[in-house]
PDB file of N, CA and C in Angstrom:
ATOM      1  N   MET A   1     134.809 -48.081 -70.194  1.00  0.00           N
ATOM      2  CA  MET A   1     134.165 -47.403 -70.626  1.00  0.00           C
ATOM      3  C   MET A   1     133.335 -47.773 -72.237  1.00  0.00           C
ATOM      4  N   LYS A   2     134.790 -48.730 -73.012  1.00  0.00           N
ATOM      5  CA  LYS A   2     133.783 -49.299 -73.815  1.00  0.00           C
ATOM      6  C   LYS A   2     133.035 -50.361 -73.819  1.00  0.00           C
ATOM      7  N   ILE A   3     132.763 -51.285 -72.408  1.00  0.00           N
ATOM      8  CA  ILE A   3     132.080 -52.279 -72.427  1.00  0.00           C
ATOM      9  C   ILE A   3     130.960 -51.603 -71.392  1.00  0.00           C
ATOM     10  N   ALA A   4     130.896 -50.076 -70.745  1.00  0.00           N
ATOM     11  CA  ALA A   4     129.694 -49.982 -70.339  1.00  0.00           C
ATOM     12  C   ALA A   4     128.649 -48.972 -71.687  1.00  0.00           C
ATOM     13  N   LEU A   5     129.320 -49.062 -73.135  1.00  0.00           N
ATOM     14  CA  LEU A   5     128.774 -48.226 -74.294  1.00  0.00           C
ATOM     15  C   LEU A   5     128.135 -49.196 -74.773  1.00  0.00           C
ATOM     16  N   PHE A   6     128.829 -50.537 -74.885  1.00  0.00           N
ATOM     17  CA  PHE A   6     128.093 -51.860 -75.633  1.00  0.00           C
ATOM     18  C   PHE A   6     127.342 -52.107 -74.658  1.00  0.00           C
ATOM     19  N   THR A   7     127.423 -52.416 -73.442  1.00  0.00           N
ATOM     20  CA  THR A   7     126.149 -52.659 -72.637  1.00  0.00           C
ATOM     21  C   THR A   7     124.698 -52.082 -72.408  1.00  0.00           C
ATOM     22  N   ILE A   8     124.959 -50.825 -72.866  1.00  0.00           N
ATOM     23  CA  ILE A   8     123.706 -49.611 -73.317  1.00  0.00           C
ATOM     24  C   ILE A   8     123.307 -49.767 -74.466  1.00  0.00           C
ATOM     25  N   ALA A   9     124.132 -49.668 -75.573  1.00  0.00           N
ATOM     26  CA  ALA A   9     123.422 -50.337 -76.889  1.00  0.00           C
ATOM     27  C   ALA A   9     123.016 -51.424 -76.817  1.00  0.00           C
ATOM     28  N   ALA A  10     123.434 -52.517 -76.572  1.00  0.00           N
ATOM     29  CA  ALA A  10     122.915 -54.113 -76.667  1.00  0.00           C
ATOM     30  C   ALA A  10     121.353 -54.221 -75.946  1.00  0.00           C
ATOM     31  N   ALA A  11     121.588 -53.207 -74.018  1.00  0.00           N
ATOM     32  CA  ALA A  11     119.959 -53.274 -73.627  1.00  0.00           C
ATOM     33  C   ALA A  11     118.875 -52.602 -74.727  1.00  0.00           C
ATOM     34  N   ALA A  12     119.726 -51.189 -75.232  1.00  0.00           N
ATOM     35  CA  ALA A  12     118.624 -50.375 -76.210  1.00  0.00           C
ATOM     36  C   ALA A  12     118.045 -51.662 -77.443  1.00  0.00           C
ATOM     37  N   LEU A  13     118.736 -51.995 -77.687  1.00  0.00           N
ATOM     38  CA  LEU A  13     119.164 -52.817 -79.053  1.00  0.00           C
ATOM     39  C   LEU A  13     117.721 -53.817 -78.551  1.00  0.00           C
ATOM     40  N   ALA A  14     117.938 -54.871 -77.330  1.00  0.00           N
ATOM     41  CA  ALA A  14     116.914 -55.468 -76.874  1.00  0.00           C
ATOM     42  C   ALA A  14     115.826 -55.042 -76.884  1.00  0.00           C
ATOM     43  N   VAL A  15     115.402 -54.227 -75.964  1.00  0.00           N
ATOM     44  CA  VAL A  15     114.023 -52.651 -75.511  1.00  0.00           C
ATOM     45  C   VAL A  15     113.581 -52.752 -77.300  1.00  0.00           C
ATOM     46  N   ILE A  16     113.793 -52.710 -78.097  1.00  0.00           N
ATOM     47  CA  ILE A  16     113.983 -52.311 -79.518  1.00  0.00           C
ATOM     48  C   ILE A  16     113.028 -53.350 -79.768  1.00  0.00           C
ATOM     49  N   ALA A  17     113.900 -54.517 -80.275  1.00  0.00           N
ATOM     50  CA  ALA A  17     113.526 -55.843 -80.475  1.00  0.00           C
ATOM     51  C   ALA A  17     112.021 -56.765 -80.089  1.00  0.00           C
ATOM     52  N   ILE A  18     112.287 -56.083 -78.790  1.00  0.00           N
ATOM     53  CA  ILE A  18     110.837 -56.469 -77.998  1.00  0.00           C
ATOM     54  C   ILE A  18     109.697 -56.217 -78.170  1.00  0.00           C
ATOM     55  N   PHE A  19     109.848 -54.658 -78.483  1.00  0.00           N
ATOM     56  CA  PHE A  19     108.816 -53.854 -78.235  1.00  0.00           C
ATOM     57  C   PHE A  19     108.349 -53.683 -80.506  1.00  0.00           C
ATOM     58  N   LEU A  20     108.989 -53.784 -81.219  1.00  0.00           N
ATOM     59  CA  LEU A  20     108.904 -54.268 -82.483  1.00  0.00           C
ATOM     60  C   LEU A  20     108.622 -55.690 -82.036  1.00  0.00           C
ATOM     61  N   SER A  21     108.259 -56.675 -81.576  1.00  0.00           N
ATOM     62  CA  SER A  21     107.699 -58.010 -81.493  1.00  0.00           C
ATOM     63  C   SER A  21     106.532 -58.401 -81.382  1.00  0.00           C
ATOM     64  N   ASP A  22     106.138 -57.176 -81.455  1.00  0.00           N
ATOM     65  CA  ASP A  22     104.566 -56.760 -81.389  1.00  0.00           C
ATOM     66  C   ASP A  22     103.940 -56.597 -82.621  1.00  0.00           C
ATOM     67  N   ALA A  23     102.819 -56.529 -83.405  1.00  0.00           N
ATOM     68  CA  ALA A  23     102.484 -56.370 -84.439  1.00  0.00           C
ATOM     69  C   ALA A  23     101.283 -54.863 -84.607  1.00  0.00           C
ATOM     70  N   LEU A  24     101.617 -54.847 -83.423  1.00  0.00           N
ATOM     71  CA  LEU A  24     100.492 -53.864 -82.753  1.00  0.00           C
ATOM     72  C   LEU A  24     101.486 -52.690 -83.030  1.00  0.00           C
ATOM     73  N   ASN A  25     102.597 -52.726 -82.243  1.00  0.00           N
ATOM     74  CA  ASN A  25     103.220 -51.808 -81.668  1.00  0.00           C
ATOM     75  C   ASN A  25     104.017 -51.221 -83.218  1.00  0.00           C
ATOM     76  N   ARG A  26     104.449 -52.829 -84.226  1.00  0.00           N
ATOM     77  CA  ARG A  26     104.905 -52.364 -85.225  1.00  0.00           C
ATOM     78  C   ARG A  26     103.745 -51.290 -86.244  1.00  0.00           C
ATOM     79  N   ALA A  27     103.172 -51.747 -86.107  1.00  0.00           N
ATOM     80  CA  ALA A  27     101.426 -51.111 -87.064  1.00  0.00           C
ATOM     81  C   ALA A  27     101.853 -49.379 -86.303  1.00  0.00           C
ATOM     82  N   ALA A  28     102.007 -49.075 -85.087  1.00  0.00           N
ATOM     83  CA  ALA A  28     102.179 -47.930 -84.973  1.00  0.00           C
ATOM     84  C   ALA A  28     103.106 -47.335 -85.196  1.00  0.00           C
ATOM     85  N   VAL A  29     104.095 -47.773 -85.704  1.00  0.00           N
ATOM     86  CA  VAL A  29     105.302 -46.728 -85.402  1.00  0.00           C
ATOM     87  C   VAL A  29     105.321 -46.647 -87.070  1.00  0.00           C
ATOM     88  N   GLY A  30     104.555 -46.801 -87.831  1.00  0.00           N
ATOM     89  CA  GLY A  30     104.310 -46.806 -89.296  1.00  0.00           C
ATOM     90  C   GLY A  30     104.914 -47.717 -90.565  1.00  0.00           C
ATOM     91  N   LEU A  31     105.051 -49.169 -89.781  1.00  0.00           N
ATOM     92  CA  LEU A  31     104.963 -50.068 -90.528  1.00  0.00           C
ATOM     93  C   LEU A  31     103.677 -50.660 -90.215  1.00  0.00           C
ATOM     94  N   ASN A  32     103.347 -50.712 -91.733  1.00  0.00           N
ATOM     95  CA  ASN A  32     102.097 -51.323 -92.601  1.00  0.00           C
ATOM     96  C   ASN A  32     100.718 -50.864 -91.116  1.00  0.00           C
ATOM     97  N   SER A  33     100.568 -49.396 -91.289  1.00  0.00           N
ATOM     98  CA  SER A  33      99.825 -48.526 -90.140  1.00  0.00           C
ATOM     99  C   SER A  33      98.514 -48.895 -90.278  1.00  0.00           C
ATOM    100  N   GLU A  34      97.938 -49.358 -91.880  1.00  0.00           N
ATOM    101  CA  GLU A  34      96.775 -49.499 -92.221  1.00  0.00           C
ATOM    102  C   GLU A  34      96.539 -50.547 -93.436  1.00  0.00           C
ATOM    103  N   GLY A  35      95.340 -50.851 -93.231  1.00  0.00           N
ATOM    104  CA  GLY A  35      95.494 -51.931 -94.109  1.00  0.00           C
ATOM    105  C   GLY A  35      94.003 -53.229 -93.773  1.00  0.00           C
ATOM    106  N   SER A  36      93.981 -54.283 -95.049  1.00  0.00           N
ATOM    107  CA  SER A  36      93.156 -55.628 -94.674  1.00  0.00           C
ATOM    108  C   SER A  36      93.738 -56.699 -94.991  1.00  0.00           C
ATOM    109  N   ARG A  37      93.518 -57.795 -94.423  1.00  0.00           N
ATOM    110  CA  ARG A  37      93.488 -59.359 -94.627  1.00  0.00           C
ATOM    111  C   ARG A  37      92.188 -60.288 -95.025  1.00  0.00           C
ATOM    112  N   GLU A  38      92.158 -60.934 -96.039  1.00  0.00           N
ATOM    113  CA  GLU A  38      90.846 -61.860 -96.300  1.00  0.00           C
ATOM    114  C   GLU A  38      91.656 -62.945 -95.886  1.00  0.00           C
ATOM    115  N   SER A  39      93.039 -63.598 -95.832  1.00  0.00           N
ATOM    116  CA  SER A  39      93.582 -64.658 -95.546  1.00  0.00           C
ATOM    117  C   SER A  39      94.737 -64.507 -94.482  1.00  0.00           C
ATOM    118  N   GLY A  40      95.176 -65.820 -94.028  1.00  0.00           N
ATOM    119  CA  GLY A  40      96.455 -65.701 -93.484  1.00  0.00           C
ATOM    120  C   GLY A  40      95.597 -64.917 -91.714  1.00  0.00           C
ATOM    121  N   LYS A  41      96.611 -64.104 -90.908  1.00  0.00           N
ATOM    122  CA  LYS A  41      97.051 -63.943 -89.851  1.00  0.00           C
ATOM    123  C   LYS A  41      97.123 -62.351 -89.466  1.00  0.00           C
ATOM    124  N   LYS A  42      96.209 -61.861 -89.106  1.00  0.00           N
ATOM    125  CA  LYS A  42      96.961 -60.542 -88.005  1.00  0.00           C
ATOM    126  C   LYS A  42      96.500 -60.103 -87.210  1.00  0.00           C
ATOM    127  N   PHE A  43      97.865 -59.268 -86.126  1.00  0.00           N
ATOM    128  CA  PHE A  43      97.744 -59.218 -85.115  1.00  0.00           C
ATOM    129  C   PHE A  43      96.991 -60.177 -83.931  1.00  0.00           C
ATOM    130  N   GLY A  44      97.504 -62.018 -84.307  1.00  0.00           N
ATOM    131  CA  GLY A  44      97.178 -62.629 -83.756  1.00  0.00           C
ATOM    132  C   GLY A  44      96.067 -63.537 -84.116  1.00  0.00           C
ATOM    133  N   ILE A  45      95.351 -62.650 -85.245  1.00  0.00           N
ATOM    134  CA  ILE A  45      93.722 -63.576 -85.315  1.00  0.00           C
ATOM    135  C   ILE A  45      93.758 -64.294 -86.585  1.00  0.00           C
ATOM    136  N   LYS A  46      93.305 -65.001 -86.783  1.00  0.00           N
ATOM    137  CA  LYS A  46      93.537 -66.054 -88.272  1.00  0.00           C
ATOM    138  C   LYS A  46      91.806 -65.847 -88.749  1.00  0.00           C
ATOM    139  N   ILE A  47      92.239 -65.439 -90.440  1.00  0.00           N
ATOM    140  CA  ILE A  47      91.363 -65.557 -91.476  1.00  0.00           C
ATOM    141  C   ILE A  47      90.364 -67.094 -90.742  1.00  0.00           C
ATOM    142  N   GLY A  48      89.454 -66.817 -90.583  1.00  0.00           N
ATOM    143  CA  GLY A  48      88.569 -68.328 -90.491  1.00  0.00           C
ATOM    144  C   GLY A  48      88.460 -68.832 -88.474  1.00  0.00           C
ATOM    145  N   THR A  49      89.038 -68.114 -88.199  1.00  0.00           N
ATOM    146  CA  THR A  49      88.548 -68.409 -86.131  1.00  0.00           C
ATOM    147  C   THR A  49      87.188 -67.983 -86.104  1.00  0.00           C
ATOM    148  N   SER A  50      86.144 -68.457 -84.870  1.00  0.00           N
ATOM    149  CA  SER A  50      85.433 -68.364 -84.370  1.00  0.00           C
ATOM    150  C   SER A  50      85.883 -66.326 -83.939  1.00  0.00           C
ATOM    151  N   PHE A  51      83.995 -65.829 -84.023  1.00  0.00           N
ATOM    152  CA  PHE A  51      84.209 -64.347 -83.859  1.00  0.00           C
ATOM    153  C   PHE A  51      84.559 -64.377 -82.529  1.00  0.00           C
ATOM    154  N   ASP A  52      83.911 -65.733 -81.425  1.00  0.00           N
ATOM    155  CA  ASP A  52      84.096 -65.479 -79.976  1.00  0.00           C
ATOM    156  C   ASP A  52      85.621 -65.934 -79.529  1.00  0.00           C
ATOM    157  N   GLU A  53      86.711 -66.056 -79.958  1.00  0.00           N
ATOM    158  CA  GLU A  53      88.205 -66.676 -80.206  1.00  0.00           C
ATOM    159  C   GLU A  53      88.482 -65.021 -80.906  1.00  0.00           C
ATOM    160  N   ALA A  54      88.236 -64.681 -81.467  1.00  0.00           N
ATOM    161  CA  ALA A  54      88.926 -63.162 -81.900  1.00  0.00           C
ATOM    162  C   ALA A  54      88.529 -62.294 -80.602  1.00  0.00           C
ATOM    163  N   LEU A  55      87.632 -61.991 -80.570  1.00  0.00           N
ATOM    164  CA  LEU A  55      86.806 -61.452 -79.085  1.00  0.00           C
ATOM    165  C   LEU A  55      87.837 -61.277 -78.471  1.00  0.00           C
ATOM    166  N   GLN A  56      88.135 -62.990 -77.649  1.00  0.00           N
ATOM    167  CA  GLN A  56      89.003 -62.792 -76.960  1.00  0.00           C
ATOM    168  C   GLN A  56      90.944 -62.376 -76.740  1.00  0.00           C
ATOM    169  N   ILE A  57      90.994 -62.640 -78.402  1.00  0.00           N
ATOM    170  CA  ILE A  57      92.250 -61.874 -78.445  1.00  0.00           C
ATOM    171  C   ILE A  57      91.858 -60.401 -78.462  1.00  0.00           C
ATOM    172  N   LEU A  58      91.314 -60.284 -78.955  1.00  0.00           N
ATOM    173  CA  LEU A  58      91.405 -58.507 -78.954  1.00  0.00           C
ATOM    174  C   LEU A  58      91.216 -58.270 -78.043  1.00  0.00           C
ATOM    175  N   GLN A  59      90.664 -58.595 -77.509  1.00  0.00           N
ATOM    176  CA  GLN A  59      90.255 -57.649 -75.673  1.00  0.00           C
ATOM    177  C   GLN A  59      91.247 -57.659 -74.635  1.00  0.00           C
ATOM    178  N   GLN A  60      92.103 -59.034 -74.990  1.00  0.00           N
ATOM    179  CA  GLN A  60      93.412 -59.177 -74.545  1.00  0.00           C
ATOM    180  C   GLN A  60      94.393 -58.102 -74.588  1.00  0.00           C
ATOM    181  N   LYS A  61      94.614 -57.832 -76.029  1.00  0.00           N
ATOM    182  CA  LYS A  61      95.786 -56.566 -76.457  1.00  0.00           C
ATOM    183  C   LYS A  61      94.961 -55.156 -75.809  1.00  0.00           C
ATOM    184  N   GLY A  62      93.932 -55.524 -75.135  1.00  0.00           N
ATOM    185  CA  GLY A  62      93.410 -54.049 -75.005  1.00  0.00           C
ATOM    186  C   GLY A  62      92.017 -52.897 -75.188  1.00  0.00           C
ATOM    187  N   PHE A  63      91.890 -54.289 -76.550  1.00  0.00           N
ATOM    188  CA  PHE A  63      90.122 -53.366 -77.535  1.00  0.00           C
ATOM    189  C   PHE A  63      89.355 -53.647 -77.014  1.00  0.00           C
ATOM    190  N   ASN A  64      88.332 -52.387 -76.974  1.00  0.00           N
ATOM    191  CA  ASN A  64      87.115 -52.545 -76.741  1.00  0.00           C
ATOM    192  C   ASN A  64      86.270 -51.964 -78.003  1.00  0.00           C
ATOM    193  N   LEU A  65      85.179 -53.177 -77.868  1.00  0.00           N
ATOM    194  CA  LEU A  65      83.993 -53.818 -79.158  1.00  0.00           C
ATOM    195  C   LEU A  65      83.249 -52.346 -79.043  1.00  0.00           C
ATOM    196  N   VAL A  66      83.146 -51.522 -79.977  1.00  0.00           N
ATOM    197  CA  VAL A  66      82.552 -49.921 -80.365  1.00  0.00           C
ATOM    198  C   VAL A  66      81.225 -50.141 -81.182  1.00  0.00           C
ATOM    199  N   THR A  67      81.361 -50.738 -82.143  1.00  0.00           N
ATOM    200  CA  THR A  67      79.589 -50.757 -82.893  1.00  0.00           C
ATOM    201  C   THR A  67      80.268 -52.213 -83.534  1.00  0.00           C
ATOM    202  N   TYR A  68      78.825 -52.882 -83.813  1.00  0.00           N
ATOM    203  CA  TYR A  68      78.501 -54.189 -85.086  1.00  0.00           C
ATOM    204  C   TYR A  68      76.956 -53.884 -85.243  1.00  0.00           C
ATOM    205  N   GLY A  69      77.020 -54.792 -86.321  1.00  0.00           N
ATOM    206  CA  GLY A  69      75.977 -55.151 -87.384  1.00  0.00           C
ATOM    207  C   GLY A  69      76.051 -54.629 -88.739  1.00  0.00           C
ATOM    208  N   GLU A  70      75.149 -55.125 -89.805  1.00  0.00           N
ATOM    209  CA  GLU A  70      75.807 -55.336 -90.931  1.00  0.00           C
ATOM    210  C   GLU A  70      75.637 -53.931 -91.746  1.00  0.00           C
ATOM    211  N   GLU A  71      75.760 -52.857 -90.877  1.00  0.00           N
ATOM    212  CA  GLU A  71      75.770 -51.403 -91.128  1.00  0.00           C
ATOM    213  C   GLU A  71      77.207 -51.483 -91.208  1.00  0.00           C
ATOM    214  N   VAL A  72      77.501 -51.592 -89.968  1.00  0.00           N
ATOM    215  CA  VAL A  72      79.330 -51.569 -89.801  1.00  0.00           C
ATOM    216  C   VAL A  72      80.241 -52.145 -91.498  1.00  0.00           C
ATOM    217  N   ARG A  73      80.576 -51.012 -92.076  1.00  0.00           N
ATOM    218  CA  ARG A  73      81.793 -51.256 -93.135  1.00  0.00           C
ATOM    219  C   ARG A  73      83.316 -51.260 -92.464  1.00  0.00           C
ATOM    220  N   CYS A  74      83.969 -52.452 -93.448  1.00  0.00           N
ATOM    221  CA  CYS A  74      85.114 -52.711 -92.498  1.00  0.00           C
ATOM    222  C   CYS A  74      86.139 -51.734 -93.691  1.00  0.00           C
ATOM    223  N   SER A  75      86.945 -50.765 -93.740  1.00  0.00           N
ATOM    224  CA  SER A  75      87.543 -50.413 -94.381  1.00  0.00           C
ATOM    225  C   SER A  75      88.532 -51.160 -94.935  1.00  0.00           C
ATOM    226  N   TYR A  76      88.430 -51.258 -96.953  1.00  0.00           N
ATOM    227  CA  TYR A  76      89.399 -52.168 -97.304  1.00  0.00           C
ATOM    228  C   TYR A  76      88.738 -53.635 -97.398  1.00  0.00           C
ATOM    229  N   VAL A  77      87.774 -53.396 -96.931  1.00  0.00           N
ATOM    230  CA  VAL A  77      86.817 -54.964 -96.871  1.00  0.00           C
ATOM    231  C   VAL A  77      85.515 -55.286 -98.007  1.00  0.00           C
ATOM    232  N   GLU A  78      86.219 -55.685 -99.051  1.00  0.00           N
ATOM    233  CA  GLU A  78      85.077 -55.936-100.439  1.00  0.00           C
ATOM    234  C   GLU A  78      84.200 -56.492-100.790  1.00  0.00           C
ATOM    235  N   ARG A  79      83.648 -57.487 -99.787  1.00  0.00           N
ATOM    236  CA  ARG A  79      82.747 -58.760 -99.504  1.00  0.00           C
ATOM    237  C   ARG A  79      81.262 -57.450 -99.546  1.00  0.00           C
ATOM    238  N   ASP A  80      80.344 -58.272-100.094  1.00  0.00           N
ATOM    239  CA  ASP A  80      78.824 -57.439-100.212  1.00  0.00           C
ATOM    240  C   ASP A  80      78.430 -57.407 -98.633  1.00  0.00           C
ATOM    241  N   ARG A  81      77.975 -58.548 -98.318  1.00  0.00           N
ATOM    242  CA  ARG A  81      77.214 -59.141 -97.450  1.00  0.00           C
ATOM    243  C   ARG A  81      78.681 -59.786 -95.960  1.00  0.00           C
ATOM    244  N   TYR A  82      78.254 -58.830 -94.295  1.00  0.00           N
ATOM    245  CA  TYR A  82      78.765 -59.657 -93.833  1.00  0.00           C
ATOM    246  C   TYR A  82      78.359 -58.164 -91.781  1.00  0.00           C
ATOM    247  N   ASN A  83      79.018 -59.300 -91.009  1.00  0.00           N
ATOM    248  CA  ASN A  83      78.824 -58.093 -90.060  1.00  0.00           C
ATOM    249  C   ASN A  83      79.790 -57.738 -89.554  1.00  0.00           C
ATOM    250  N   GLY A  84      79.910 -56.499 -89.585  1.00  0.00           N
ATOM    251  CA  GLY A  84      81.266 -55.836 -88.986  1.00  0.00           C
ATOM    252  C   GLY A  84      81.528 -55.186 -88.007  1.00  0.00           C
ATOM    253  N   TYR A  85      82.481 -55.418 -87.447  1.00  0.00           N
ATOM    254  CA  TYR A  85      82.352 -55.562 -85.382  1.00  0.00           C
ATOM    255  C   TYR A  85      83.696 -55.028 -85.599  1.00  0.00           C
ATOM    256  N   GLN A  86      83.616 -53.359 -85.020  1.00  0.00           N
ATOM    257  CA  GLN A  86      84.294 -52.308 -85.154  1.00  0.00           C
ATOM    258  C   GLN A  86      84.983 -52.214 -83.270  1.00  0.00           C
ATOM    259  N   PHE A  87      86.535 -52.214 -83.006  1.00  0.00           N
ATOM    260  CA  PHE A  87      86.878 -52.313 -81.879  1.00  0.00           C
ATOM    261  C   PHE A  87      87.866 -51.073 -81.779  1.00  0.00           C
ATOM    262  N   TYR A  88      88.268 -50.610 -80.574  1.00  0.00           N
ATOM    263  CA  TYR A  88      88.999 -49.315 -80.375  1.00  0.00           C
ATOM    264  C   TYR A  88      89.795 -49.852 -79.305  1.00  0.00           C
ATOM    265  N   ASP A  89      91.264 -49.461 -79.618  1.00  0.00           N
ATOM    266  CA  ASP A  89      92.069 -49.150 -78.378  1.00  0.00           C
ATOM    267  C   ASP A  89      92.708 -48.122 -78.199  1.00  0.00           C
ATOM    268  N   ASP A  90      92.531 -47.530 -76.733  1.00  0.00           N
ATOM    269  CA  ASP A  90      92.771 -46.248 -76.815  1.00  0.00           C
ATOM    270  C   ASP A  90      93.681 -45.969 -75.909  1.00  0.00           C
ATOM    271  N   SER A  91      94.628 -46.908 -75.739  1.00  0.00           N
ATOM    272  CA  SER A  91      96.117 -46.683 -75.272  1.00  0.00           C
ATOM    273  C   SER A  91      96.785 -45.689 -75.895  1.00  0.00           C
ATOM    274  N   TRP A  92      98.310 -45.713 -76.453  1.00  0.00           N
ATOM    275  CA  TRP A  92      99.462 -44.989 -76.769  1.00  0.00           C
ATOM    276  C   TRP A  92      99.372 -44.953 -78.588  1.00  0.00           C
ATOM    277  N   ARG A  93      98.381 -46.414 -78.246  1.00  0.00           N
ATOM    278  CA  ARG A  93      98.392 -46.750 -80.341  1.00  0.00           C
ATOM    279  C   ARG A  93      97.251 -46.267 -80.900  1.00  0.00           C
ATOM    280  N   LYS A  94      96.121 -45.802 -80.158  1.00  0.00           N
ATOM    281  CA  LYS A  94      95.207 -45.886 -80.646  1.00  0.00           C
ATOM    282  C   LYS A  94      94.557 -45.861 -82.394  1.00  0.00           C
ATOM    283  N   ALA A  95      94.705 -47.478 -82.194  1.00  0.00           N
ATOM    284  CA  ALA A  95      94.444 -48.494 -83.177  1.00  0.00           C
ATOM    285  C   ALA A  95      93.206 -48.703 -83.214  1.00  0.00           C
ATOM    286  N   SER A  96      92.273 -48.526 -84.358  1.00  0.00           N
ATOM    287  CA  SER A  96      91.278 -49.343 -84.773  1.00  0.00           C
ATOM    288  C   SER A  96      91.186 -50.757 -86.055  1.00  0.00           C
ATOM    289  N   VAL A  97      90.373 -51.572 -85.239  1.00  0.00           N
ATOM    290  CA  VAL A  97      90.043 -53.062 -85.666  1.00  0.00           C
ATOM    291  C   VAL A  97      88.618 -53.148 -86.015  1.00  0.00           C
ATOM    292  N   CYS A  98      88.832 -53.625 -87.463  1.00  0.00           N
ATOM    293  CA  CYS A  98      87.760 -53.655 -87.825  1.00  0.00           C
ATOM    294  C   CYS A  98      87.432 -55.656 -88.147  1.00  0.00           C
ATOM    295  N   LEU A  99      86.537 -56.478 -87.417  1.00  0.00           N
ATOM    296  CA  LEU A  99      86.253 -57.760 -88.227  1.00  0.00           C
ATOM    297  C   LEU A  99      85.376 -58.096 -88.877  1.00  0.00           C
ATOM    298  N   ALA A 100      84.857 -58.506 -89.921  1.00  0.00           N
ATOM    299  CA  ALA A 100      84.334 -58.927 -90.996  1.00  0.00           C
ATOM    300  C   ALA A 100      84.119 -60.386 -90.800  1.00  0.00           C
ATOM    301  N   VAL A 101      82.603 -60.523 -90.071  1.00  0.00           N
ATOM    302  CA  VAL A 101      82.142 -61.772 -89.793  1.00  0.00           C
ATOM    303  C   VAL A 101      80.711 -62.331 -90.986  1.00  0.00           C
ATOM    304  N   VAL A 102      80.983 -63.477 -91.050  1.00  0.00           N
ATOM    305  CA  VAL A 102      80.115 -64.392 -91.650  1.00  0.00           C
ATOM    306  C   VAL A 102      79.852 -65.586 -90.776  1.00  0.00           C
ATOM    307  N   ASP A 103      79.065 -65.777 -91.018  1.00  0.00           N
ATOM    308  CA  ASP A 103      77.997 -67.096 -89.764  1.00  0.00           C
ATOM    309  C   ASP A 103      79.081 -67.452 -88.732  1.00  0.00           C
ATOM    310  N   GLN A 104      79.350 -66.179 -87.805  1.00  0.00           N
ATOM    311  CA  GLN A 104      79.973 -66.153 -86.720  1.00  0.00           C
ATOM    312  C   GLN A 104      81.991 -66.330 -87.101  1.00  0.00           C
ATOM    313  N   GLU A 105      82.250 -66.819 -88.029  1.00  0.00           N
ATOM    314  CA  GLU A 105      83.444 -66.633 -88.491  1.00  0.00           C
ATOM    315  C   GLU A 105      84.739 -65.471 -89.284  1.00  0.00           C
ATOM    316  N   VAL A 106      85.265 -65.100 -88.179  1.00  0.00           N
ATOM    317  CA  VAL A 106      86.257 -64.013 -89.231  1.00  0.00           C
ATOM    318  C   VAL A 106      86.374 -64.418 -90.713  1.00  0.00           C
ATOM    319  N   VAL A 107      85.700 -63.472 -91.674  1.00  0.00           N
ATOM    320  CA  VAL A 107      86.371 -63.536 -92.847  1.00  0.00           C
ATOM    321  C   VAL A 107      87.064 -62.196 -93.560  1.00  0.00           C
ATOM    322  N   ALA A 108      87.559 -61.628 -92.843  1.00  0.00           N
ATOM    323  CA  ALA A 108      88.267 -61.163 -92.881  1.00  0.00           C
ATOM    324  C   ALA A 108      88.738 -59.684 -91.446  1.00  0.00           C
ATOM    325  N   ILE A 109      89.820 -59.326 -92.028  1.00  0.00           N
ATOM    326  CA  ILE A 109      89.941 -58.002 -90.869  1.00  0.00           C
ATOM    327  C   ILE A 109      90.677 -56.655 -91.786  1.00  0.00           C
ATOM    328  N   SER A 110      90.379 -55.607 -91.146  1.00  0.00           N
ATOM    329  CA  SER A 110      91.070 -53.942 -91.490  1.00  0.00           C
ATOM    330  C   SER A 110      91.259 -53.846 -90.103  1.00  0.00           C
ATOM    331  N   TRP A 111      92.487 -52.410 -90.682  1.00  0.00           N
ATOM    332  CA  TRP A 111      92.937 -52.031 -89.383  1.00  0.00           C
ATOM    333  C   TRP A 111      93.671 -50.355 -89.793  1.00  0.00           C
ATOM    334  N   TRP A 112      93.632 -49.360 -88.481  1.00  0.00           N
ATOM    335  CA  TRP A 112      94.075 -48.151 -88.627  1.00  0.00           C
ATOM    336  C   TRP A 112      94.523 -48.187 -87.635  1.00  0.00           C
ATOM    337  N   VAL A 113      96.093 -47.574 -87.539  1.00  0.00           N
ATOM    338  CA  VAL A 113      97.104 -47.812 -86.441  1.00  0.00           C
ATOM    339  C   VAL A 113      97.830 -46.472 -86.308  1.00  0.00           C
ATOM    340  N   ASN A 114      96.935 -45.012 -85.160  1.00  0.00           N
ATOM    341  CA  ASN A 114      98.059 -43.660 -85.346  1.00  0.00           C
ATOM    342  C   ASN A 114      97.849 -43.246 -83.938  1.00  0.00           C
ATOM    343  N   PRO A 115      99.785 -43.579 -83.646  1.00  0.00           N
ATOM    344  CA  PRO A 115      99.562 -42.796 -82.593  1.00  0.00           C
ATOM    345  C   PRO A 115      98.992 -41.841 -82.190  1.00  0.00           C
ATOM    346  N   PHE A 116      98.917 -40.859 -83.473  1.00  0.00           N
ATOM    347  CA  PHE A 116      99.118 -39.304 -83.016  1.00  0.00           C
ATOM    348  C   PHE A 116      97.842 -38.795 -83.182  1.00  0.00           C
ATOM    349  N   THR A 117      96.452 -39.623 -82.735  1.00  0.00           N
ATOM    350  CA  THR A 117      94.855 -39.174 -83.264  1.00  0.00           C
ATOM    351  C   THR A 117      94.645 -38.738 -82.153  1.00  0.00           C
ATOM    352  N   PRO A 118      94.181 -37.611 -82.143  1.00  0.00           N
ATOM    353  CA  PRO A 118      93.843 -36.889 -80.611  1.00  0.00           C
ATOM    354  C   PRO A 118      93.368 -37.867 -79.687  1.00  0.00           C
TER     355      PRO A 118
END
């Protein structure tokens, strides 16, 4: 009986660990669910990455490009001039990612994740 409970607990912990290994899943459960970054890396996209590479990464994660242009502003991004590219993931995560792009290079990324959004 103890071995069966231990096995079930170990399996449950393994599933949780795998689930939380993805940054989008962590954000969806309230761990860093919104913010921005102008250096480093977020959701597999490194600041300084080409827009084409970032687009491919987001599409592989299930995001769709919703809108883009100079008039699109990314939350929390303090820059004056950039093209904003807004992406949305309509899966259970209900995630939005915005890329600030200058000269086809990602200079900032902002995100908002709320699985309870209708």
